Amino acid sequence: MGVIARLLKVAAVAGAVAGPVWARAPKGERIAPDGVHTLDEATSAAQSSGLSGWELVDHVTGVVHRKFSYYSCYHWWESPAEAFARSRGQSNQYNLALASVLRRLGFEVRTVHASRVRLQRSPWWHAGHTWLEVTIDGITKDVCASRAENRAGQVTFVPVTPVRLFRGLTYVDTTLGLALIVVVVAWRAWLNGEPLPRWVYRPFNEAASTEGWHESRRGA
């Protein structure tokens, strides 16, 4: 069997396994806070806001946060612009969408990534995460659209592995790795008659887990 034939066979098997996962993807709910549907509209709204500097950065971060109705590792194939329009995604998608708007507004933006971060509200929960470093007048601050209370320089996570520059290859690596994990997890859930784990798909403002929380904090 030639190399091309082997590759076609592998592609056919991968398609047979991943195809049902793609077909059964949750639909979610498209929303349009402040009438914003697309990244172009988000940029235009920001330009008309009358804000500047860190106030404008925080304003745009809030718009991007409100645009997402579901946190989703499931829709890994969608670009940041598609994820923004469809109101679902994970940090590669929502924070790269945020980076796109901020760069259009003229801000100096670096996208960074850590293999593990500790979440403030769930300190036992470690996960890979992508966010931004924005620089204004020589001052650089962390920026992330994951939480409503986030502000430039005040984010609700702490990296516990080295922070590295997020490159094109990083996007490919993290997306393909995530796709493989989600396909396996989705099939396992279906075969066991269980719902998808919350870390895969959940309302955007809800935690992946409340394990270990005091009863008074559950559902907060």
C-alpha atoms as a PDB file:
ATOM      1  CA  MET A   1       0.000   0.000   0.000  1.00  0.00           C
ATOM      2  CA  GLY A   2       1.443   3.344  -1.062  1.00  0.00           C
ATOM      3  CA  VAL A   3       1.863   6.387   1.154  1.00  0.00           C
ATOM      4  CA  ILE A   4      -1.094   8.187  -0.428  1.00  0.00           C
ATOM      5  CA  ALA A   5      -3.331   5.147   0.043  1.00  0.00           C
ATOM      6  CA  ARG A   6      -2.326   4.936   3.708  1.00  0.00           C
ATOM      7  CA  LEU A   7      -3.043   8.606   4.238  1.00  0.00           C
ATOM      8  CA  LEU A   8      -6.444   8.248   2.588  1.00  0.00           C
ATOM      9  CA  LYS A   9      -7.229   5.286   4.826  1.00  0.00           C
ATOM     10  CA  VAL A  10      -6.220   7.229   7.944  1.00  0.00           C
ATOM     11  CA  ALA A  11      -8.284  10.208   6.794  1.00  0.00           C
ATOM     12  CA  ALA A  12     -11.304   7.943   6.206  1.00  0.00           C
ATOM     13  CA  VAL A  13     -11.036   6.429   9.690  1.00  0.00           C
ATOM     14  CA  ALA A  14     -10.580   9.856  11.282  1.00  0.00           C
ATOM     15  CA  GLY A  15     -13.595  11.165   9.401  1.00  0.00           C
ATOM     16  CA  ALA A  16     -15.720   8.214  10.467  1.00  0.00           C
ATOM     17  CA  VAL A  17     -14.825   8.825  14.115  1.00  0.00           C
ATOM     18  CA  ALA A  18     -14.928  12.623  14.148  1.00  0.00           C
ATOM     19  CA  GLY A  19     -17.842  13.030  11.730  1.00  0.00           C
ATOM     20  CA  PRO A  20     -20.573  12.078  14.214  1.00  0.00           C
ATOM     21  CA  VAL A  21     -19.040  14.443  16.783  1.00  0.00           C
ATOM     22  CA  TRP A  22     -19.210  17.300  14.278  1.00  0.00           C
ATOM     23  CA  ALA A  23     -22.772  16.346  13.261  1.00  0.00           C
ATOM     24  CA  ARG A  24     -24.005  16.242  16.860  1.00  0.00           C
ATOM     25  CA  ALA A  25     -22.380  19.504  17.939  1.00  0.00           C
ATOM     26  CA  PRO A  26     -24.587  21.568  20.297  1.00  0.00           C
ATOM     27  CA  LYS A  27     -26.253  24.473  18.503  1.00  0.00           C
ATOM     28  CA  GLY A  28     -25.943  26.980  21.333  1.00  0.00           C
ATOM     29  CA  GLU A  29     -27.535  30.408  21.172  1.00  0.00           C
ATOM     30  CA  ARG A  30     -26.363  33.317  19.053  1.00  0.00           C
ATOM     31  CA  ILE A  31     -26.648  36.593  20.919  1.00  0.00           C
ATOM     32  CA  ALA A  32     -25.900  40.210  19.970  1.00  0.00           C
ATOM     33  CA  PRO A  33     -25.140  42.417  22.993  1.00  0.00           C
ATOM     34  CA  ASP A  34     -25.354  46.087  22.064  1.00  0.00           C
ATOM     35  CA  GLY A  35     -26.459  44.964  18.591  1.00  0.00           C
ATOM     36  CA  VAL A  36     -23.012  43.485  17.849  1.00  0.00           C
ATOM     37  CA  HIS A  37     -23.007  40.380  15.621  1.00  0.00           C
ATOM     38  CA  THR A  38     -19.539  40.349  14.034  1.00  0.00           C
ATOM     39  CA  LEU A  39     -15.987  41.510  14.689  1.00  0.00           C
ATOM     40  CA  ASP A  40     -16.479  44.326  12.175  1.00  0.00           C
ATOM     41  CA  GLU A  41     -19.496  45.544  14.142  1.00  0.00           C
ATOM     42  CA  ALA A  42     -17.584  45.238  17.420  1.00  0.00           C
ATOM     43  CA  THR A  43     -14.804  47.376  15.975  1.00  0.00           C
ATOM     44  CA  SER A  44     -17.210  50.021  14.676  1.00  0.00           C
ATOM     45  CA  ALA A  45     -19.032  50.163  18.017  1.00  0.00           C
ATOM     46  CA  ALA A  46     -15.734  50.586  19.866  1.00  0.00           C
ATOM     47  CA  GLN A  47     -14.656  53.385  17.531  1.00  0.00           C
ATOM     48  CA  SER A  48     -17.931  55.178  18.267  1.00  0.00           C
ATOM     49  CA  SER A  49     -17.722  54.697  22.039  1.00  0.00           C
ATOM     50  CA  GLY A  50     -15.756  57.872  22.726  1.00  0.00           C
ATOM     51  CA  LEU A  51     -13.393  55.901  24.982  1.00  0.00           C
ATOM     52  CA  SER A  52      -9.633  55.554  24.719  1.00  0.00           C
ATOM     53  CA  GLY A  53      -6.685  53.859  26.436  1.00  0.00           C
ATOM     54  CA  TRP A  54      -7.342  51.258  29.098  1.00  0.00           C
ATOM     55  CA  GLU A  55     -10.996  52.281  29.350  1.00  0.00           C
ATOM     56  CA  LEU A  56     -11.458  51.320  25.714  1.00  0.00           C
ATOM     57  CA  VAL A  57      -9.574  48.040  26.234  1.00  0.00           C
ATOM     58  CA  ASP A  58     -11.874  47.146  29.138  1.00  0.00           C
ATOM     59  CA  HIS A  59     -14.945  48.185  27.156  1.00  0.00           C
ATOM     60  CA  VAL A  60     -14.039  45.940  24.204  1.00  0.00           C
ATOM     61  CA  THR A  61     -13.138  43.086  26.559  1.00  0.00           C
ATOM     62  CA  GLY A  62     -16.597  43.359  28.110  1.00  0.00           C
ATOM     63  CA  VAL A  63     -18.291  43.359  24.698  1.00  0.00           C
ATOM     64  CA  VAL A  64     -16.425  40.202  23.671  1.00  0.00           C
ATOM     65  CA  HIS A  65     -17.270  38.518  26.980  1.00  0.00           C
ATOM     66  CA  ARG A  66     -20.970  39.323  26.643  1.00  0.00           C
ATOM     67  CA  LYS A  67     -21.023  38.080  23.039  1.00  0.00           C
ATOM     68  CA  PHE A  68     -20.325  34.490  24.117  1.00  0.00           C
ATOM     69  CA  SER A  69     -23.300  32.543  25.434  1.00  0.00           C
ATOM     70  CA  TYR A  70     -21.473  29.204  25.740  1.00  0.00           C
ATOM     71  CA  TYR A  71     -17.984  28.123  26.686  1.00  0.00           C
ATOM     72  CA  SER A  72     -17.245  25.409  24.140  1.00  0.00           C
ATOM     73  CA  CYS A  73     -14.268  23.175  23.523  1.00  0.00           C
ATOM     74  CA  TYR A  74     -16.597  21.256  21.205  1.00  0.00           C
ATOM     75  CA  HIS A  75     -16.533  23.676  18.264  1.00  0.00           C
ATOM     76  CA  TRP A  76     -12.772  23.551  17.787  1.00  0.00           C
ATOM     77  CA  TRP A  77     -13.037  23.880  13.989  1.00  0.00           C
ATOM     78  CA  GLU A  78     -14.466  27.401  14.067  1.00  0.00           C
ATOM     79  CA  SER A  79     -12.166  30.384  13.533  1.00  0.00           C
ATOM     80  CA  PRO A  80     -12.170  33.137  16.171  1.00  0.00           C
ATOM     81  CA  ALA A  81     -14.364  35.285  13.897  1.00  0.00           C
ATOM     82  CA  GLU A  82     -16.844  32.417  13.391  1.00  0.00           C
ATOM     83  CA  ALA A  83     -16.874  31.581  17.085  1.00  0.00           C
ATOM     84  CA  PHE A  84     -17.551  35.239  17.916  1.00  0.00           C
ATOM     85  CA  ALA A  85     -20.435  35.426  15.433  1.00  0.00           C
ATOM     86  CA  ARG A  86     -21.929  32.185  16.762  1.00  0.00           C
ATOM     87  CA  SER A  87     -21.397  33.093  20.450  1.00  0.00           C
ATOM     88  CA  ARG A  88     -19.471  29.981  21.477  1.00  0.00           C
ATOM     89  CA  GLY A  89     -15.857  29.030  21.978  1.00  0.00           C
ATOM     90  CA  GLN A  90     -12.837  28.636  24.242  1.00  0.00           C
ATOM     91  CA  SER A  91      -9.853  30.860  24.974  1.00  0.00           C
ATOM     92  CA  ASN A  92      -8.127  30.343  21.602  1.00  0.00           C
ATOM     93  CA  GLN A  93     -11.297  31.650  20.002  1.00  0.00           C
ATOM     94  CA  TYR A  94     -12.696  34.365  22.248  1.00  0.00           C
ATOM     95  CA  ASN A  95      -9.359  35.935  23.146  1.00  0.00           C
ATOM     96  CA  LEU A  96      -8.081  35.857  19.561  1.00  0.00           C
ATOM     97  CA  ALA A  97     -11.347  37.532  18.558  1.00  0.00           C
ATOM     98  CA  LEU A  98     -10.626  40.160  21.212  1.00  0.00           C
ATOM     99  CA  ALA A  99      -7.059  40.530  19.893  1.00  0.00           C
ATOM    100  CA  SER A 100      -8.405  41.121  16.389  1.00  0.00           C
ATOM    101  CA  VAL A 101     -10.636  44.005  17.509  1.00  0.00           C
ATOM    102  CA  LEU A 102      -7.955  45.594  19.697  1.00  0.00           C
ATOM    103  CA  ARG A 103      -5.397  45.492  16.882  1.00  0.00           C
ATOM    104  CA  ARG A 104      -7.879  47.099  14.494  1.00  0.00           C
ATOM    105  CA  LEU A 105      -8.210  49.883  17.065  1.00  0.00           C
ATOM    106  CA  GLY A 106      -4.456  50.421  16.978  1.00  0.00           C
ATOM    107  CA  PHE A 107      -3.417  48.745  20.233  1.00  0.00           C
ATOM    108  CA  GLU A 108      -0.157  46.846  20.626  1.00  0.00           C
ATOM    109  CA  VAL A 109      -1.233  43.281  21.402  1.00  0.00           C
ATOM    110  CA  ARG A 110       0.676  40.054  22.041  1.00  0.00           C
ATOM    111  CA  THR A 111      -1.168  36.741  22.303  1.00  0.00           C
ATOM    112  CA  VAL A 112       0.325  34.394  24.910  1.00  0.00           C
ATOM    113  CA  HIS A 113      -0.387  30.906  26.211  1.00  0.00           C
ATOM    114  CA  ALA A 114       0.358  28.715  29.223  1.00  0.00           C
ATOM    115  CA  SER A 115      -0.076  24.959  29.314  1.00  0.00           C
ATOM    116  CA  ARG A 116      -1.591  25.238  32.792  1.00  0.00           C
ATOM    117  CA  VAL A 117      -3.222  28.067  34.725  1.00  0.00           C
ATOM    118  CA  ARG A 118      -4.844  28.021  38.168  1.00  0.00           C
ATOM    119  CA  LEU A 119      -8.341  29.469  38.204  1.00  0.00           C
ATOM    120  CA  GLN A 120      -9.123  31.858  41.038  1.00  0.00           C
ATOM    121  CA  ARG A 121     -12.605  30.538  41.773  1.00  0.00           C
ATOM    122  CA  SER A 122     -11.580  26.868  41.309  1.00  0.00           C
ATOM    123  CA  PRO A 123      -7.931  26.738  42.428  1.00  0.00           C
ATOM    124  CA  TRP A 124      -7.710  22.937  42.120  1.00  0.00           C
ATOM    125  CA  TRP A 125      -8.751  23.138  38.438  1.00  0.00           C
ATOM    126  CA  HIS A 126      -5.769  23.523  36.078  1.00  0.00           C
ATOM    127  CA  ALA A 127      -6.188  24.019  32.336  1.00  0.00           C
ATOM    128  CA  GLY A 128      -4.346  25.390  29.335  1.00  0.00           C
ATOM    129  CA  HIS A 129      -5.253  28.986  28.555  1.00  0.00           C
ATOM    130  CA  THR A 130      -4.646  31.664  25.938  1.00  0.00           C
ATOM    131  CA  TRP A 131      -4.853  35.387  26.720  1.00  0.00           C
ATOM    132  CA  LEU A 132      -3.454  38.766  25.683  1.00  0.00           C
ATOM    133  CA  GLU A 133      -0.731  41.151  26.758  1.00  0.00           C
ATOM    134  CA  VAL A 134      -1.676  44.702  25.772  1.00  0.00           C
ATOM    135  CA  THR A 135       0.855  47.546  25.913  1.00  0.00           C
ATOM    136  CA  ILE A 136      -0.049  51.245  26.171  1.00  0.00           C
ATOM    137  CA  ASP A 137       2.622  53.902  26.711  1.00  0.00           C
ATOM    138  CA  GLY A 138       5.169  51.286  27.725  1.00  0.00           C
ATOM    139  CA  ILE A 139       2.889  49.636  30.308  1.00  0.00           C
ATOM    140  CA  THR A 140       1.870  46.028  29.619  1.00  0.00           C
ATOM    141  CA  LYS A 141      -1.164  44.376  31.226  1.00  0.00           C
ATOM    142  CA  ASP A 142      -2.818  40.962  30.975  1.00  0.00           C
ATOM    143  CA  VAL A 143      -6.210  41.085  29.229  1.00  0.00           C
ATOM    144  CA  CYS A 144      -8.752  38.257  29.021  1.00  0.00           C
ATOM    145  CA  ALA A 145     -12.448  38.055  28.116  1.00  0.00           C
ATOM    146  CA  SER A 146     -13.164  34.898  30.124  1.00  0.00           C
ATOM    147  CA  ARG A 147     -14.905  36.578  33.060  1.00  0.00           C
ATOM    148  CA  ALA A 148     -17.213  39.577  33.380  1.00  0.00           C
ATOM    149  CA  GLU A 149     -15.158  41.038  36.245  1.00  0.00           C
ATOM    150  CA  ASN A 150     -11.837  40.905  34.356  1.00  0.00           C
ATOM    151  CA  ARG A 151     -10.118  44.226  33.769  1.00  0.00           C
ATOM    152  CA  ALA A 152      -6.796  45.018  32.139  1.00  0.00           C
ATOM    153  CA  GLY A 153      -4.166  43.859  34.643  1.00  0.00           C
ATOM    154  CA  GLN A 154      -6.796  42.127  36.805  1.00  0.00           C
ATOM    155  CA  VAL A 155      -7.549  38.640  35.512  1.00  0.00           C
ATOM    156  CA  THR A 156      -8.954  35.662  37.391  1.00  0.00           C
ATOM    157  CA  PHE A 157      -6.199  33.132  36.724  1.00  0.00           C
ATOM    158  CA  VAL A 158      -2.527  32.602  37.524  1.00  0.00           C
ATOM    159  CA  PRO A 159      -0.138  30.790  35.152  1.00  0.00           C
ATOM    160  CA  VAL A 160       1.594  27.824  36.797  1.00  0.00           C
ATOM    161  CA  THR A 161       3.708  26.910  33.742  1.00  0.00           C
ATOM    162  CA  PRO A 162       5.880  29.217  31.591  1.00  0.00           C
ATOM    163  CA  VAL A 163       4.036  31.872  29.596  1.00  0.00           C
ATOM    164  CA  ARG A 164       4.930  31.545  25.920  1.00  0.00           C
ATOM    165  CA  LEU A 165       4.187  33.579  22.817  1.00  0.00           C
ATOM    166  CA  PHE A 166       1.153  32.217  20.987  1.00  0.00           C
ATOM    167  CA  ARG A 167       2.122  31.553  17.365  1.00  0.00           C
ATOM    168  CA  GLY A 168       0.341  30.091  14.372  1.00  0.00           C
ATOM    169  CA  LEU A 169       1.784  26.675  15.167  1.00  0.00           C
ATOM    170  CA  THR A 170       0.514  27.016  18.740  1.00  0.00           C
ATOM    171  CA  TYR A 171      -2.999  27.499  17.379  1.00  0.00           C
ATOM    172  CA  VAL A 172      -2.683  24.376  15.220  1.00  0.00           C
ATOM    173  CA  ASP A 173      -1.157  22.265  18.023  1.00  0.00           C
ATOM    174  CA  THR A 174      -3.639  23.279  20.704  1.00  0.00           C
ATOM    175  CA  THR A 175      -6.633  22.981  18.374  1.00  0.00           C
ATOM    176  CA  LEU A 176      -5.697  19.528  17.064  1.00  0.00           C
ATOM    177  CA  GLY A 177      -4.892  18.324  20.584  1.00  0.00           C
ATOM    178  CA  LEU A 178      -8.225  19.622  21.834  1.00  0.00           C
ATOM    179  CA  ALA A 179     -10.084  18.043  18.913  1.00  0.00           C
ATOM    180  CA  LEU A 180      -8.647  14.612  19.693  1.00  0.00           C
ATOM    181  CA  ILE A 181      -9.555  14.878  23.386  1.00  0.00           C
ATOM    182  CA  VAL A 182     -13.083  16.108  22.696  1.00  0.00           C
ATOM    183  CA  VAL A 183     -13.771  13.358  20.155  1.00  0.00           C
ATOM    184  CA  VAL A 184     -12.734  10.702  22.685  1.00  0.00           C
ATOM    185  CA  VAL A 185     -14.694  12.337  25.519  1.00  0.00           C
ATOM    186  CA  ALA A 186     -17.818  12.769  23.364  1.00  0.00           C
ATOM    187  CA  TRP A 187     -17.835   9.140  22.275  1.00  0.00           C
ATOM    188  CA  ARG A 188     -17.275   7.976  25.846  1.00  0.00           C
ATOM    189  CA  ALA A 189     -20.201  10.092  27.053  1.00  0.00           C
ATOM    190  CA  TRP A 190     -22.506   8.732  24.337  1.00  0.00           C
ATOM    191  CA  LEU A 191     -21.533   5.113  24.904  1.00  0.00           C
ATOM    192  CA  ASN A 192     -22.072   5.480  28.650  1.00  0.00           C
ATOM    193  CA  GLY A 193     -25.324   7.402  28.250  1.00  0.00           C
ATOM    194  CA  GLU A 194     -23.862  10.417  30.070  1.00  0.00           C
ATOM    195  CA  PRO A 195     -23.974  14.157  29.348  1.00  0.00           C
ATOM    196  CA  LEU A 196     -20.901  15.908  28.025  1.00  0.00           C
ATOM    197  CA  PRO A 197     -18.525  17.011  30.813  1.00  0.00           C
ATOM    198  CA  ARG A 198     -19.017  20.646  31.757  1.00  0.00           C
ATOM    199  CA  TRP A 199     -15.439  21.520  30.836  1.00  0.00           C
ATOM    200  CA  VAL A 200     -16.358  20.685  27.236  1.00  0.00           C
ATOM    201  CA  TYR A 201     -19.590  22.689  26.935  1.00  0.00           C
ATOM    202  CA  ARG A 202     -21.505  24.893  29.369  1.00  0.00           C
ATOM    203  CA  PRO A 203     -23.062  28.353  29.732  1.00  0.00           C
ATOM    204  CA  PHE A 204     -20.240  30.869  29.411  1.00  0.00           C
ATOM    205  CA  ASN A 205     -20.488  32.403  32.871  1.00  0.00           C
ATOM    206  CA  GLU A 206     -20.688  29.099  34.749  1.00  0.00           C
ATOM    207  CA  ALA A 207     -17.736  27.255  36.284  1.00  0.00           C
ATOM    208  CA  ALA A 208     -16.498  23.969  34.866  1.00  0.00           C
ATOM    209  CA  SER A 209     -16.756  22.443  38.316  1.00  0.00           C
ATOM    210  CA  THR A 210     -17.981  23.393  41.773  1.00  0.00           C
ATOM    211  CA  GLU A 211     -16.295  20.414  43.409  1.00  0.00           C
ATOM    212  CA  GLY A 212     -14.854  21.471  46.756  1.00  0.00           C
ATOM    213  CA  TRP A 213     -16.869  24.682  46.967  1.00  0.00           C
ATOM    214  CA  HIS A 214     -18.747  25.532  50.133  1.00  0.00           C
ATOM    215  CA  GLU A 215     -22.489  24.972  49.662  1.00  0.00           C
ATOM    216  CA  SER A 216     -23.146  28.721  49.809  1.00  0.00           C
ATOM    217  CA  ARG A 217     -20.936  29.268  46.739  1.00  0.00           C
ATOM    218  CA  ARG A 218     -22.431  26.576  44.508  1.00  0.00           C
ATOM    219  CA  GLY A 219     -24.231  28.126  41.596  1.00  0.00           C
ATOM    220  CA  ALA A 220     -22.549  31.493  42.211  1.00  0.00           C
END
